[in-house]
Each structure stands twice: as C-alpha cells, then as structure tokens.
Amino acid sequence: SSLLFPAATSQEPISMAGKCDTIYQGFAGCLISLGDSMAQSVRRQREEGGEEAQELDIICKSWDDFHACASEVLSSCPEEAATIWESLRQESRKIQFQGNLQELCSARGRLASTRGSPAAETNQATLRGSA
C-alpha cells in the first residue's frame, strides 16, 4: 500500500497539469533517440562496409523516425509545437554550415514522394506550425 501512494501522488499533478506540460521532456526523448539511432546505424553500416549513399539513407531513416516521434509528442499541443519548431529553426540559422538534415532528407524524400506519405505531410504542417 505504501508503494502505491507515491505513485498515485506523482500521477495526480501530471493529469491535472494538462497535455502540454510534458512535451519538452517527450521532445528531448525523441532527440536522444535520434542521436542513439544515428550513432548505432552509422557504426553498423561502416562495419559492414557500405557506400556513402547507403549511409545517407540510414541517417535519413533516423531523421524520419525522429520526425514521427516528435510529431506524435507535439500533436496534442500545436501552439507549443509551433514555438518549439520555430525556436529550432532560428537556432539552426545561427550555425554556420551548409545544409541540415531537414533539407537533406526532405530533398531525398521529394524524389521518392511519388509513393505519398500522410505522415510526411503532417510533419511538414507541424514544422510550419499549422498543425
């Protein structure tokens, strides 16, 4: 019984606080998963001696997984989601390097978009802050 009491107490503020209070934690979890996935996939691909194009596909697969995770986390709070994406966009502009994963993987996605993907459309709407 004493083990259940702290759990019940810790759940109460979360449910009362609303859906949007945990999106930063969820988004951070998506970012950590992205980093872990990319590191593991690239390491495995290099051990197997694949080509650079295959490595790019693996990286973009990790990026797509991140987008699916982030979109799910942020979908219940569109205003907060727009704020987060805009903040990330502004930060990425400060960094002086050519291209980014969004541009790189989106360009590859457009070439393969003849299949069509409702998730990709949702991700783009979320990025624009209109979801």
C-alpha atoms as a PDB file:
ATOM      1  CA  SER A   1       0.000   0.000   0.000  1.00  0.00           C
ATOM      2  CA  SER A   2       2.802   2.412   0.856  1.00  0.00           C
ATOM      3  CA  LEU A   3       4.372   1.693  -2.542  1.00  0.00           C
ATOM      4  CA  LEU A   4       1.195   2.726  -4.337  1.00  0.00           C
ATOM      5  CA  PHE A   5       0.748   6.011  -2.525  1.00  0.00           C
ATOM      6  CA  PRO A   6       3.811   7.812  -4.003  1.00  0.00           C
ATOM      7  CA  ALA A   7       2.874   6.594  -7.483  1.00  0.00           C
ATOM      8  CA  ALA A   8      -0.682   7.871  -7.103  1.00  0.00           C
ATOM      9  CA  THR A   9       0.597  11.181  -5.781  1.00  0.00           C
ATOM     10  CA  SER A  10       3.059  11.598  -8.645  1.00  0.00           C
ATOM     11  CA  GLN A  11       0.382  10.884 -11.268  1.00  0.00           C
ATOM     12  CA  GLU A  12      -2.071  13.455  -9.954  1.00  0.00           C
ATOM     13  CA  PRO A  13      -0.126  16.631 -10.896  1.00  0.00           C
ATOM     14  CA  ILE A  14       0.595  15.283 -14.373  1.00  0.00           C
ATOM     15  CA  SER A  15      -3.068  14.652 -15.170  1.00  0.00           C
ATOM     16  CA  MET A  16      -4.128  17.968 -13.645  1.00  0.00           C
ATOM     17  CA  ALA A  17      -1.395  19.939 -15.376  1.00  0.00           C
ATOM     18  CA  GLY A  18      -2.562  19.151 -18.900  1.00  0.00           C
ATOM     19  CA  LYS A  19      -1.169  17.573 -22.023  1.00  0.00           C
ATOM     20  CA  CYS A  20       1.348  20.264 -22.896  1.00  0.00           C
ATOM     21  CA  ASP A  21       3.421  20.143 -19.726  1.00  0.00           C
ATOM     22  CA  THR A  22       5.363  17.053 -20.784  1.00  0.00           C
ATOM     23  CA  ILE A  23       6.100  17.896 -24.417  1.00  0.00           C
ATOM     24  CA  TYR A  24       9.604  19.212 -23.729  1.00  0.00           C
ATOM     25  CA  GLN A  25      10.526  16.001 -21.951  1.00  0.00           C
ATOM     26  CA  GLY A  26       8.990  13.950 -24.764  1.00  0.00           C
ATOM     27  CA  PHE A  27      10.732  16.029 -27.428  1.00  0.00           C
ATOM     28  CA  ALA A  28      14.059  15.631 -25.609  1.00  0.00           C
ATOM     29  CA  GLY A  29      13.489  11.877 -25.585  1.00  0.00           C
ATOM     30  CA  CYS A  30      12.984  11.974 -29.356  1.00  0.00           C
ATOM     31  CA  LEU A  31      16.264  13.885 -29.779  1.00  0.00           C
ATOM     32  CA  ILE A  32      18.157  11.377 -27.641  1.00  0.00           C
ATOM     33  CA  SER A  33      16.681   8.516 -29.664  1.00  0.00           C
ATOM     34  CA  LEU A  34      17.728  10.286 -32.880  1.00  0.00           C
ATOM     35  CA  GLY A  35      21.324  10.562 -31.711  1.00  0.00           C
ATOM     36  CA  ASP A  36      21.452   6.976 -30.485  1.00  0.00           C
ATOM     37  CA  SER A  37      19.878   5.653 -33.675  1.00  0.00           C
ATOM     38  CA  MET A  38      22.218   7.586 -35.946  1.00  0.00           C
ATOM     39  CA  ALA A  39      25.309   6.545 -33.993  1.00  0.00           C
ATOM     40  CA  GLN A  40      24.337   2.866 -33.953  1.00  0.00           C
ATOM     41  CA  SER A  41      23.207   2.758 -37.578  1.00  0.00           C
ATOM     42  CA  VAL A  42      26.248   4.543 -38.978  1.00  0.00           C
ATOM     43  CA  ARG A  43      28.626   2.424 -36.864  1.00  0.00           C
ATOM     44  CA  ARG A  44      26.938  -0.776 -38.053  1.00  0.00           C
ATOM     45  CA  GLN A  45      26.891   0.416 -41.674  1.00  0.00           C
ATOM     46  CA  ARG A  46      30.604   1.298 -41.590  1.00  0.00           C
ATOM     47  CA  GLU A  47      31.464  -2.085 -40.068  1.00  0.00           C
ATOM     48  CA  GLU A  48      29.628  -3.714 -42.948  1.00  0.00           C
ATOM     49  CA  GLY A  49      31.497  -1.517 -45.447  1.00  0.00           C
ATOM     50  CA  GLY A  50      28.544   0.135 -47.148  1.00  0.00           C
ATOM     51  CA  GLU A  51      28.581   3.044 -49.566  1.00  0.00           C
ATOM     52  CA  GLU A  52      28.077   6.712 -48.714  1.00  0.00           C
ATOM     53  CA  ALA A  53      24.621   6.709 -50.334  1.00  0.00           C
ATOM     54  CA  GLN A  54      23.567   3.861 -48.038  1.00  0.00           C
ATOM     55  CA  GLU A  55      24.897   5.804 -45.045  1.00  0.00           C
ATOM     56  CA  LEU A  56      22.785   8.778 -46.086  1.00  0.00           C
ATOM     57  CA  ASP A  57      19.708   6.549 -46.354  1.00  0.00           C
ATOM     58  CA  ILE A  58      20.380   5.258 -42.838  1.00  0.00           C
ATOM     59  CA  ILE A  59      20.799   8.782 -41.473  1.00  0.00           C
ATOM     60  CA  CYS A  60      17.581   9.921 -43.155  1.00  0.00           C
ATOM     61  CA  LYS A  61      15.752   6.869 -41.756  1.00  0.00           C
ATOM     62  CA  SER A  62      16.835   8.002 -38.276  1.00  0.00           C
ATOM     63  CA  TRP A  63      15.648  11.533 -39.116  1.00  0.00           C
ATOM     64  CA  ASP A  64      12.281  10.198 -40.316  1.00  0.00           C
ATOM     65  CA  ASP A  65      11.920   8.207 -37.090  1.00  0.00           C
ATOM     66  CA  PHE A  66      12.709  11.377 -35.120  1.00  0.00           C
ATOM     67  CA  HIS A  67      10.041  13.288 -37.045  1.00  0.00           C
ATOM     68  CA  ALA A  68       7.446  10.606 -36.353  1.00  0.00           C
ATOM     69  CA  CYS A  69       8.360  10.613 -32.653  1.00  0.00           C
ATOM     70  CA  ALA A  70       8.386  14.412 -32.368  1.00  0.00           C
ATOM     71  CA  SER A  71       5.140  14.798 -34.306  1.00  0.00           C
ATOM     72  CA  GLU A  72       3.415  12.323 -32.015  1.00  0.00           C
ATOM     73  CA  VAL A  73       4.731  14.077 -28.897  1.00  0.00           C
ATOM     74  CA  LEU A  74       3.811  17.539 -30.169  1.00  0.00           C
ATOM     75  CA  SER A  75       0.498  16.726 -31.874  1.00  0.00           C
ATOM     76  CA  SER A  76      -1.622  17.360 -28.793  1.00  0.00           C
ATOM     77  CA  CYS A  77      -0.184  20.867 -28.323  1.00  0.00           C
ATOM     78  CA  PRO A  78       0.001  22.633 -31.715  1.00  0.00           C
ATOM     79  CA  GLU A  79       0.795  26.083 -30.310  1.00  0.00           C
ATOM     80  CA  GLU A  80       3.655  24.752 -28.193  1.00  0.00           C
ATOM     81  CA  ALA A  81       4.816  22.669 -31.170  1.00  0.00           C
ATOM     82  CA  ALA A  82       4.990  25.739 -33.402  1.00  0.00           C
ATOM     83  CA  THR A  83       7.043  27.532 -30.742  1.00  0.00           C
ATOM     84  CA  ILE A  84       9.485  24.628 -30.428  1.00  0.00           C
ATOM     85  CA  TRP A  85       9.945  24.208 -34.198  1.00  0.00           C
ATOM     86  CA  GLU A  86      10.436  27.952 -34.703  1.00  0.00           C
ATOM     87  CA  SER A  87      12.999  28.054 -31.906  1.00  0.00           C
ATOM     88  CA  LEU A  88      14.902  25.180 -33.511  1.00  0.00           C
ATOM     89  CA  ARG A  89      14.710  26.854 -36.916  1.00  0.00           C
ATOM     90  CA  GLN A  90      16.158  30.091 -35.508  1.00  0.00           C
ATOM     91  CA  GLU A  91      18.940  28.215 -33.716  1.00  0.00           C
ATOM     92  CA  SER A  92      19.835  26.294 -36.874  1.00  0.00           C
ATOM     93  CA  ARG A  93      20.198  29.581 -38.782  1.00  0.00           C
ATOM     94  CA  LYS A  94      22.827  30.718 -36.276  1.00  0.00           C
ATOM     95  CA  ILE A  95      25.011  27.710 -37.026  1.00  0.00           C
ATOM     96  CA  GLN A  96      27.277  28.373 -39.987  1.00  0.00           C
ATOM     97  CA  PHE A  97      27.297  25.191 -42.042  1.00  0.00           C
ATOM     98  CA  GLN A  98      25.982  24.102 -45.394  1.00  0.00           C
ATOM     99  CA  GLY A  99      22.619  22.342 -45.237  1.00  0.00           C
ATOM    100  CA  ASN A 100      20.981  20.359 -42.470  1.00  0.00           C
ATOM    101  CA  LEU A 101      19.192  17.041 -42.001  1.00  0.00           C
ATOM    102  CA  GLN A 102      15.794  18.568 -42.704  1.00  0.00           C
ATOM    103  CA  GLU A 103      16.918  19.926 -46.090  1.00  0.00           C
ATOM    104  CA  LEU A 104      18.996  16.884 -46.971  1.00  0.00           C
ATOM    105  CA  CYS A 105      16.374  14.283 -46.139  1.00  0.00           C
ATOM    106  CA  SER A 106      13.469  16.367 -47.487  1.00  0.00           C
ATOM    107  CA  ALA A 107      15.201  16.628 -50.860  1.00  0.00           C
ATOM    108  CA  ARG A 108      15.643  12.864 -50.921  1.00  0.00           C
ATOM    109  CA  GLY A 109      12.028  12.430 -49.805  1.00  0.00           C
ATOM    110  CA  ARG A 110      10.714  14.589 -52.643  1.00  0.00           C
ATOM    111  CA  LEU A 111      12.407  12.295 -55.122  1.00  0.00           C
ATOM    112  CA  ALA A 112      10.687   9.295 -53.533  1.00  0.00           C
ATOM    113  CA  SER A 113       7.412  11.092 -52.777  1.00  0.00           C
ATOM    114  CA  THR A 114       5.590   9.561 -55.703  1.00  0.00           C
ATOM    115  CA  ARG A 115       4.510   6.992 -53.109  1.00  0.00           C
ATOM    116  CA  GLY A 116       2.946   9.747 -50.997  1.00  0.00           C
ATOM    117  CA  SER A 117       3.070   9.798 -47.223  1.00  0.00           C
ATOM    118  CA  PRO A 118       0.394  11.274 -44.956  1.00  0.00           C
ATOM    119  CA  ALA A 119       2.963  11.294 -42.104  1.00  0.00           C
ATOM    120  CA  ALA A 120       5.318  13.454 -44.170  1.00  0.00           C
ATOM    121  CA  GLU A 121       2.504  15.913 -44.849  1.00  0.00           C
ATOM    122  CA  THR A 122       1.711  16.045 -41.121  1.00  0.00           C
ATOM    123  CA  ASN A 123       5.388  16.618 -40.313  1.00  0.00           C
ATOM    124  CA  GLN A 124       5.591  19.494 -42.780  1.00  0.00           C
ATOM    125  CA  ALA A 125       2.424  21.051 -41.345  1.00  0.00           C
ATOM    126  CA  THR A 126       3.883  20.717 -37.852  1.00  0.00           C
ATOM    127  CA  LEU A 127       7.146  22.315 -38.991  1.00  0.00           C
ATOM    128  CA  ARG A 128       5.217  25.262 -40.371  1.00  0.00           C
ATOM    129  CA  GLY A 129       3.334  25.493 -37.083  1.00  0.00           C
ATOM    130  CA  SER A 130      -0.020  24.926 -38.713  1.00  0.00           C
ATOM    131  CA  ALA A 131      -0.751  21.519 -37.181  1.00  0.00           C
END
